[in-house]
Each structure stands twice: as C-alpha cells, then as structure tokens.
Amino acid sequence: MEIKKRSPIISLLLSIISPGLGQIYNGQLKKGIFLYFIGLLILLTYSIAGLYFYGLIICLLIGIGWLIFIYADSLVTAIKIKQIELKYYNKWYFYLIFLLIFNTITLGSKDFLVNIKAYSIPSGTMQHTLLFGDYILANNAAYGVRNPFTNKVWIPIGTPQRGDVIVFIFPQDPTKDYIKRVVGLPGDRIQIINKKVFINGQLYPTPQAVYDDPVMIPAPQRPTDPGRDNLGPVVVPPNAYFVMGDNRDRSYDSRFWGVVPFDSVRGKALYVLFSRDQKNSMIRWERLGLAVN
C-alpha cells in the first residue's frame, strides 16, 4: 500500500469544512464518523435545551468545546503520525463524497432537529414587551414540525393561543418575518372601539398593551376599511389569526393588512437572548434571558 505524509494544515482545514473529515484524512474513519454523529446529537440537545435559557447556554458551550476538540485532535494527530498507509477512502473523490453526504445530513437535520431560531427586533412595535435591539429565540416547532421549504405543517402539535407572541411570515412580503401578539382566533368577531378591543362582544384587555398617542382616529366609513383606533366588526376566517403589536399606536398589524394564515406562522417567541440599546450601543444586561409573555 502507498504511504504518504499527512499535512496538519490540510487536516485542520478539512475538519473546519466538515467536522470529522480531518480524522478521516488521518486514516481514522470510524473516529471521524463517530465525532460527526456526536455533533448531530448536540444539535438535537440544542433544540431541547433551547426551551430553557441556561440550558441553551450550556449546550452552546458544549458545542464549542466539541468543535475545539475536533480541530485540535485532527491537527495534533496529523503532526504525531506524520505519515500513514493510505486506505481505500484516502482519495480526494472519497473526501468529496463524504463531504456531500455529511453536509446533506447536517442541513436536513438542522431543519428537522433544531427548532429554536433567533430573530432580531428591528422596531418598537412590540414595546415594552420587546424592544428595538432585542434578539429573541423562538420555538419553531411550538405548533408543529414544518416543511423547511413551504412552512406547511408535517407533524401537527398545537395551534396559537390568544396572547401568544408569534413569529410569522409577513403576508404582504414573504421575505420578511414579523412578530406580534395573537388577539383573535379563527371564528372570533373582532371590533375596536376607541382603542378598546372587543372579542365576540366582550372587552378584551391586554395588560402588555401600550397607548402613547392621545389622538383618537375616528372609525373608517366602511367596517372593513383599516382602522387604528376603531375597526370592524370583522370575523377571523378559519385557519387564520388576528394579531396586534403591543405598542398599539405604533404598530402595523392586522388592523391594516388583515389576518395571518396558520401556514405563515413560524413559531412562538420564548425569551430574549441578547439586547443592545441602539442609541448608545450599550448591552441591556437586565433583559438577557427575559421570558416573552
């Protein structure tokens, strides 16, 4: 069999491209595959731990440690062994096949296993629940496991409840994600009278709602026309939700563009992962780990 030197630099680069590939380059096929699947297990743990703030932090530290170990191991091993007797898999086309298989599995696993996703808050429409500069984590499997390409539910788990803060695809621009609070459920009769929200004829107070504009905009001429302070009544259609921002006088929501279809819902907001004041670039330490309610 042919004997060749192992380059520590190539070994490290292969590990960076795809964890475990550097070990395979060093002649450690089983070790490389084992370390790769440990990474998939960490992805699964990340998805579960992400439901809890400190569990997520611990899992992220474990993931960083796993990557450091893989990089260091491939580099040190290549330096120690210097040269190996080439195996059948020590060919460039086998590395390419491994790379394609591993990355395909990883991409598919991320969409299926990792349901905790981060989103930024680009405006103050949810103030004071969420602030401009907050970065939140949402559970994208809260209402079901979805097709990563169409967002349609594969495995149903539940449906949004009144009061949930949800992330959804903006109906008027599918390239954007919005975050609002669910106010109306399918079949609900929504009416807004002088900024007060009525659901099925009953006043629905929202403790988180903020009104900071003393101006009262009168009711539109037609019940179906948009209205910030006076609207409706309108009936929420099946499989859809009426949403509003907590900063009621500054929110562009269902009062203006209509309801959110269930197939457009991405997930439920969990907590604030990070927050930075956009005016002075200071970190808002007191908001880290804050639950979104």
Protein backbone atom coordinates (compact mmCIF):
# COMPACT_ATOMS: atom_id res chain seq x y z
CA MET A 1 0.00 0.00 0.00
CA GLU A 2 1.10 3.58 -0.67
CA ILE A 3 2.47 5.56 2.26
CA LYS A 4 2.05 9.33 2.35
CA LYS A 5 2.65 12.22 4.71
CA ARG A 6 -0.27 13.91 6.43
CA SER A 7 -0.40 17.70 6.35
CA PRO A 8 -1.59 19.21 9.66
CA ILE A 9 -2.91 22.26 7.77
CA ILE A 10 -4.97 20.15 5.36
CA SER A 11 -6.25 18.05 8.25
CA LEU A 12 -7.37 21.17 10.12
CA LEU A 13 -8.99 22.72 7.05
CA LEU A 14 -10.94 19.53 6.32
CA SER A 15 -12.18 19.49 9.91
CA ILE A 16 -13.35 23.08 9.56
CA ILE A 17 -15.14 22.30 6.29
CA SER A 18 -16.88 19.28 7.77
CA PRO A 19 -16.27 18.07 11.36
CA GLY A 20 -14.81 14.56 11.32
CA LEU A 21 -13.35 14.82 7.82
CA GLY A 22 -9.92 15.70 9.19
CA GLN A 23 -9.89 12.47 11.20
CA ILE A 24 -10.81 10.50 8.08
CA TYR A 25 -7.94 12.21 6.24
CA ASN A 26 -5.67 11.00 9.05
CA GLY A 27 -6.81 7.39 8.49
CA GLN A 28 -9.31 7.34 11.37
CA LEU A 29 -12.53 6.54 9.52
CA LYS A 30 -14.56 5.23 12.49
CA LYS A 31 -13.42 8.07 14.75
CA GLY A 32 -14.33 10.68 12.16
CA ILE A 33 -17.83 9.28 11.63
CA PHE A 34 -18.33 8.88 15.39
CA LEU A 35 -17.37 12.50 16.10
CA TYR A 36 -19.65 13.70 13.30
CA PHE A 37 -22.69 11.91 14.75
CA ILE A 38 -21.84 13.26 18.20
CA GLY A 39 -22.34 16.65 16.55
CA LEU A 40 -25.83 15.63 15.37
CA LEU A 41 -26.63 14.57 18.93
CA ILE A 42 -25.54 18.02 20.13
CA LEU A 43 -27.90 19.57 17.57
CA LEU A 44 -30.77 17.55 18.99
CA THR A 45 -29.81 18.50 22.55
CA TYR A 46 -29.59 22.15 21.46
CA SER A 47 -33.18 22.00 20.20
CA ILE A 48 -34.44 20.61 23.51
CA ALA A 49 -32.24 22.73 25.77
CA GLY A 50 -33.17 25.84 23.79
CA LEU A 51 -36.55 25.84 25.51
CA TYR A 52 -34.68 26.97 28.62
CA PHE A 53 -32.29 29.91 28.56
CA TYR A 54 -29.49 28.49 30.71
CA GLY A 55 -29.86 25.06 29.13
CA LEU A 56 -29.18 26.68 25.78
CA ILE A 57 -26.08 28.46 27.08
CA ILE A 58 -24.69 25.18 28.47
CA CYS A 59 -25.43 23.41 25.20
CA LEU A 60 -23.70 26.14 23.19
CA LEU A 61 -20.60 25.80 25.38
CA ILE A 62 -20.64 22.02 24.84
CA GLY A 63 -20.91 22.58 21.08
CA ILE A 64 -17.97 25.00 21.09
CA GLY A 65 -15.93 22.50 23.14
CA TRP A 66 -16.82 19.73 20.65
CA LEU A 67 -15.58 21.84 17.72
CA ILE A 68 -12.37 22.81 19.51
CA PHE A 69 -11.68 19.15 20.30
CA ILE A 70 -12.24 18.07 16.68
CA TYR A 71 -9.98 20.79 15.31
CA ALA A 72 -7.23 20.19 17.86
CA ASP A 73 -7.43 16.40 17.54
CA SER A 74 -7.12 16.43 13.75
CA LEU A 75 -4.21 18.88 13.90
CA VAL A 76 -2.28 17.12 16.67
CA THR A 77 -2.87 13.66 15.17
CA ALA A 78 -1.52 14.77 11.79
CA ILE A 79 1.57 16.19 13.49
CA LYS A 80 2.17 13.00 15.51
CA ILE A 81 1.62 10.35 12.86
CA LYS A 82 3.41 12.36 10.12
CA GLN A 83 2.57 9.68 7.52
CA ILE A 84 0.07 6.84 7.06
CA GLU A 85 -0.54 3.82 4.92
CA LEU A 86 -3.29 5.04 2.62
CA LYS A 87 -6.62 3.28 2.88
CA TYR A 88 -9.26 2.92 0.18
CA TYR A 89 -11.01 6.01 1.49
CA ASN A 90 -7.91 8.23 1.42
CA LYS A 91 -8.73 9.54 -2.04
CA TRP A 92 -9.90 13.02 -2.97
CA TYR A 93 -13.14 11.72 -4.51
CA PHE A 94 -13.98 9.82 -1.31
CA TYR A 95 -13.46 13.02 0.68
CA LEU A 96 -15.82 14.77 -1.71
CA ILE A 97 -18.44 12.01 -1.31
CA PHE A 98 -18.12 12.16 2.49
CA LEU A 99 -18.42 15.95 2.36
CA LEU A 100 -21.58 15.84 0.26
CA ILE A 101 -23.19 13.13 2.40
CA PHE A 102 -22.27 14.76 5.71
CA ASN A 103 -23.38 18.25 4.68
CA THR A 104 -26.66 16.94 3.25
CA ILE A 105 -27.41 15.15 6.51
CA THR A 106 -26.40 18.21 8.54
CA LEU A 107 -28.59 20.62 6.56
CA GLY A 108 -31.56 18.28 6.75
CA SER A 109 -31.01 17.67 10.45
CA LYS A 110 -30.83 21.38 11.23
CA ASP A 111 -34.25 21.99 9.74
CA PHE A 112 -35.77 18.95 11.43
CA LEU A 113 -33.97 18.82 14.77
CA VAL A 114 -33.11 22.43 15.51
CA ASN A 115 -36.40 24.18 16.08
CA ILE A 116 -35.01 27.03 18.15
CA LYS A 117 -34.27 30.03 15.91
CA ALA A 118 -33.06 33.55 16.63
CA TYR A 119 -34.80 36.68 15.40
CA SER A 120 -33.98 40.36 15.75
CA ILE A 121 -36.45 43.09 16.72
CA PRO A 122 -35.97 45.93 14.19
CA SER A 123 -38.59 48.36 15.56
CA GLY A 124 -40.57 49.37 18.63
CA THR A 125 -43.96 47.97 17.58
CA MET A 126 -43.89 45.41 20.43
CA GLN A 127 -42.65 47.83 23.08
CA HIS A 128 -42.42 47.34 26.02
CA THR A 129 -42.63 43.56 25.75
CA LEU A 130 -39.85 43.58 23.15
CA LEU A 131 -37.51 46.48 22.50
CA PHE A 132 -35.74 47.69 19.38
CA GLY A 133 -32.37 45.93 19.58
CA ASP A 134 -33.62 42.77 21.26
CA TYR A 135 -32.64 39.39 19.82
CA ILE A 136 -35.15 36.73 20.73
CA LEU A 137 -35.31 32.97 20.44
CA ALA A 138 -38.49 31.33 19.14
CA ASN A 139 -39.60 27.71 19.21
CA ASN A 140 -40.39 26.98 15.56
CA ALA A 141 -41.93 23.64 16.49
CA ALA A 142 -44.36 25.08 19.04
CA TYR A 143 -47.28 24.49 16.69
CA GLY A 144 -45.89 21.60 14.66
CA VAL A 145 -42.89 20.33 12.71
CA ARG A 146 -42.93 22.19 9.41
CA ASN A 147 -41.63 21.67 5.89
CA PRO A 148 -38.50 23.89 5.75
CA PHE A 149 -39.28 24.91 2.17
CA THR A 150 -43.05 25.58 2.23
CA ASN A 151 -43.58 26.12 6.00
CA LYS A 152 -46.59 23.78 5.88
CA VAL A 153 -47.04 21.56 8.94
CA TRP A 154 -45.77 17.98 8.61
CA ILE A 155 -46.49 16.91 12.19
CA PRO A 156 -49.15 19.00 14.00
CA ILE A 157 -48.53 19.75 17.67
CA GLY A 158 -50.89 22.59 18.53
CA THR A 159 -52.21 25.96 17.43
CA PRO A 160 -51.53 29.54 18.56
CA GLN A 161 -53.49 30.62 21.62
CA ARG A 162 -54.81 34.05 22.45
CA GLY A 163 -52.00 36.07 23.99
CA ASP A 164 -49.15 34.12 22.34
CA VAL A 165 -46.36 36.21 20.85
CA ILE A 166 -45.68 34.63 17.47
CA VAL A 167 -43.19 34.97 14.64
CA PHE A 168 -44.76 34.75 11.19
CA ILE A 169 -44.13 35.36 7.52
CA PHE A 170 -45.46 38.83 6.68
CA PRO A 171 -48.41 38.22 4.31
CA GLN A 172 -47.61 41.28 2.19
CA ASP A 173 -43.90 40.45 1.81
CA PRO A 174 -42.86 36.77 2.23
CA THR A 175 -39.20 37.80 2.51
CA LYS A 176 -39.86 39.40 5.91
CA ASP A 177 -40.69 37.90 9.30
CA TYR A 178 -42.90 39.83 11.72
CA ILE A 179 -43.57 39.32 15.42
CA LYS A 180 -46.90 40.25 17.04
CA ARG A 181 -49.32 39.12 19.74
CA VAL A 182 -52.27 36.86 18.88
CA VAL A 183 -55.55 38.63 19.69
CA GLY A 184 -58.17 36.89 17.55
CA LEU A 185 -58.58 33.16 16.91
CA PRO A 186 -60.40 31.51 13.98
CA GLY A 187 -64.12 32.40 14.11
CA ASP A 188 -63.69 35.32 16.54
CA ARG A 189 -65.61 38.54 15.91
CA ILE A 190 -63.18 41.43 16.42
CA GLN A 191 -64.21 45.03 16.97
CA ILE A 192 -62.16 48.01 18.13
CA ILE A 193 -63.99 50.97 19.63
CA ASN A 194 -61.93 53.99 20.71
CA LYS A 195 -58.80 51.81 21.11
CA LYS A 196 -60.61 49.20 23.20
CA VAL A 197 -60.60 45.67 21.76
CA PHE A 198 -63.78 43.61 21.90
CA ILE A 199 -63.84 39.89 21.08
CA ASN A 200 -67.23 38.31 20.49
CA GLY A 201 -68.84 41.31 22.17
CA GLN A 202 -66.66 41.14 25.30
CA LEU A 203 -63.96 43.65 26.23
CA TYR A 204 -60.53 42.03 25.90
CA PRO A 205 -57.94 43.93 27.94
CA THR A 206 -54.28 43.26 27.20
CA PRO A 207 -52.02 44.16 30.16
CA GLN A 208 -48.99 44.42 27.87
CA ALA A 209 -50.65 46.90 25.50
CA VAL A 210 -49.26 50.45 25.42
CA TYR A 211 -51.13 53.54 24.12
CA ASP A 212 -48.98 56.65 23.92
CA ASP A 213 -50.80 58.74 21.32
CA PRO A 214 -53.62 60.89 22.80
CA VAL A 215 -55.12 61.40 19.34
CA MET A 216 -58.22 59.28 18.66
CA ILE A 217 -58.67 58.34 15.00
CA PRO A 218 -62.39 58.07 14.14
CA ALA A 219 -63.98 54.98 12.64
CA PRO A 220 -63.50 54.47 8.90
CA GLN A 221 -66.50 54.88 6.62
CA ARG A 222 -66.73 51.14 5.87
CA PRO A 223 -66.39 48.42 8.56
CA THR A 224 -63.81 46.53 6.51
CA ASP A 225 -61.52 49.54 5.99
CA PRO A 226 -58.31 49.73 8.04
CA GLY A 227 -58.66 51.48 11.36
CA ARG A 228 -56.10 52.02 14.08
CA ASP A 229 -58.42 53.09 16.89
CA ASN A 230 -61.78 51.99 15.51
CA LEU A 231 -62.36 48.90 13.40
CA GLY A 232 -64.93 46.37 12.38
CA PRO A 233 -66.54 44.27 13.41
CA VAL A 234 -64.58 41.71 11.38
CA VAL A 235 -64.69 37.91 11.66
CA VAL A 236 -61.41 35.97 11.67
CA PRO A 237 -61.56 33.30 8.92
CA PRO A 238 -60.71 29.61 9.52
CA ASN A 239 -57.02 28.73 10.00
CA ALA A 240 -56.07 32.36 10.49
CA TYR A 241 -55.21 34.74 13.36
CA PHE A 242 -55.75 38.42 14.11
CA VAL A 243 -52.53 39.87 15.52
CA MET A 244 -51.58 43.20 17.05
CA GLY A 245 -48.41 44.83 18.29
CA ASP A 246 -48.22 45.72 21.99
CA ASN A 247 -47.29 49.30 21.07
CA ARG A 248 -50.82 49.77 19.77
CA ASP A 249 -50.44 53.31 18.42
CA ARG A 250 -47.22 52.49 16.57
CA SER A 251 -47.89 49.00 15.20
CA TYR A 252 -48.58 47.99 11.61
CA ASP A 253 -50.64 44.84 12.12
CA SER A 254 -53.89 43.01 11.32
CA ARG A 255 -55.84 46.26 11.68
CA PHE A 256 -54.22 47.42 8.44
CA TRP A 257 -53.36 44.37 6.32
CA GLY A 258 -55.57 41.54 7.62
CA VAL A 259 -55.06 38.19 9.29
CA VAL A 260 -52.12 35.77 9.46
CA PRO A 261 -52.76 32.33 7.87
CA PHE A 262 -51.68 29.37 10.01
CA ASP A 263 -49.30 28.26 7.24
CA SER A 264 -47.45 31.57 7.66
CA VAL A 265 -46.78 31.08 11.38
CA ARG A 266 -43.15 30.18 12.10
CA GLY A 267 -43.17 29.74 15.85
CA LYS A 268 -43.69 31.11 19.35
CA ALA A 269 -41.35 33.62 21.00
CA LEU A 270 -39.58 32.23 24.07
CA TYR A 271 -37.14 34.71 25.62
CA VAL A 272 -34.64 37.46 24.96
CA LEU A 273 -31.25 36.01 24.04
CA PHE A 274 -29.42 39.34 23.73
CA SER A 275 -30.31 43.02 23.81
CA ARG A 276 -28.44 46.15 22.76
CA ASP A 277 -29.60 49.74 23.05
CA GLN A 278 -29.38 51.12 19.52
CA LYS A 279 -28.89 54.71 20.72
CA ASN A 280 -25.74 54.21 22.79
CA SER A 281 -24.72 50.65 21.77
CA MET A 282 -24.87 49.55 25.40
CA ILE A 283 -25.85 45.97 26.23
CA ARG A 284 -29.08 45.73 28.21
CA TRP A 285 -27.86 43.10 30.66
CA GLU A 286 -31.12 43.11 32.62
CA ARG A 287 -33.03 41.79 29.58
CA LEU A 288 -30.87 38.69 28.95
CA GLY A 289 -32.94 35.55 29.49
CA LEU A 290 -36.17 37.54 29.92
CA ALA A 291 -39.22 35.40 29.08
CA VAL A 292 -41.54 36.76 26.40
CA ASN A 293 -45.06 36.88 27.84
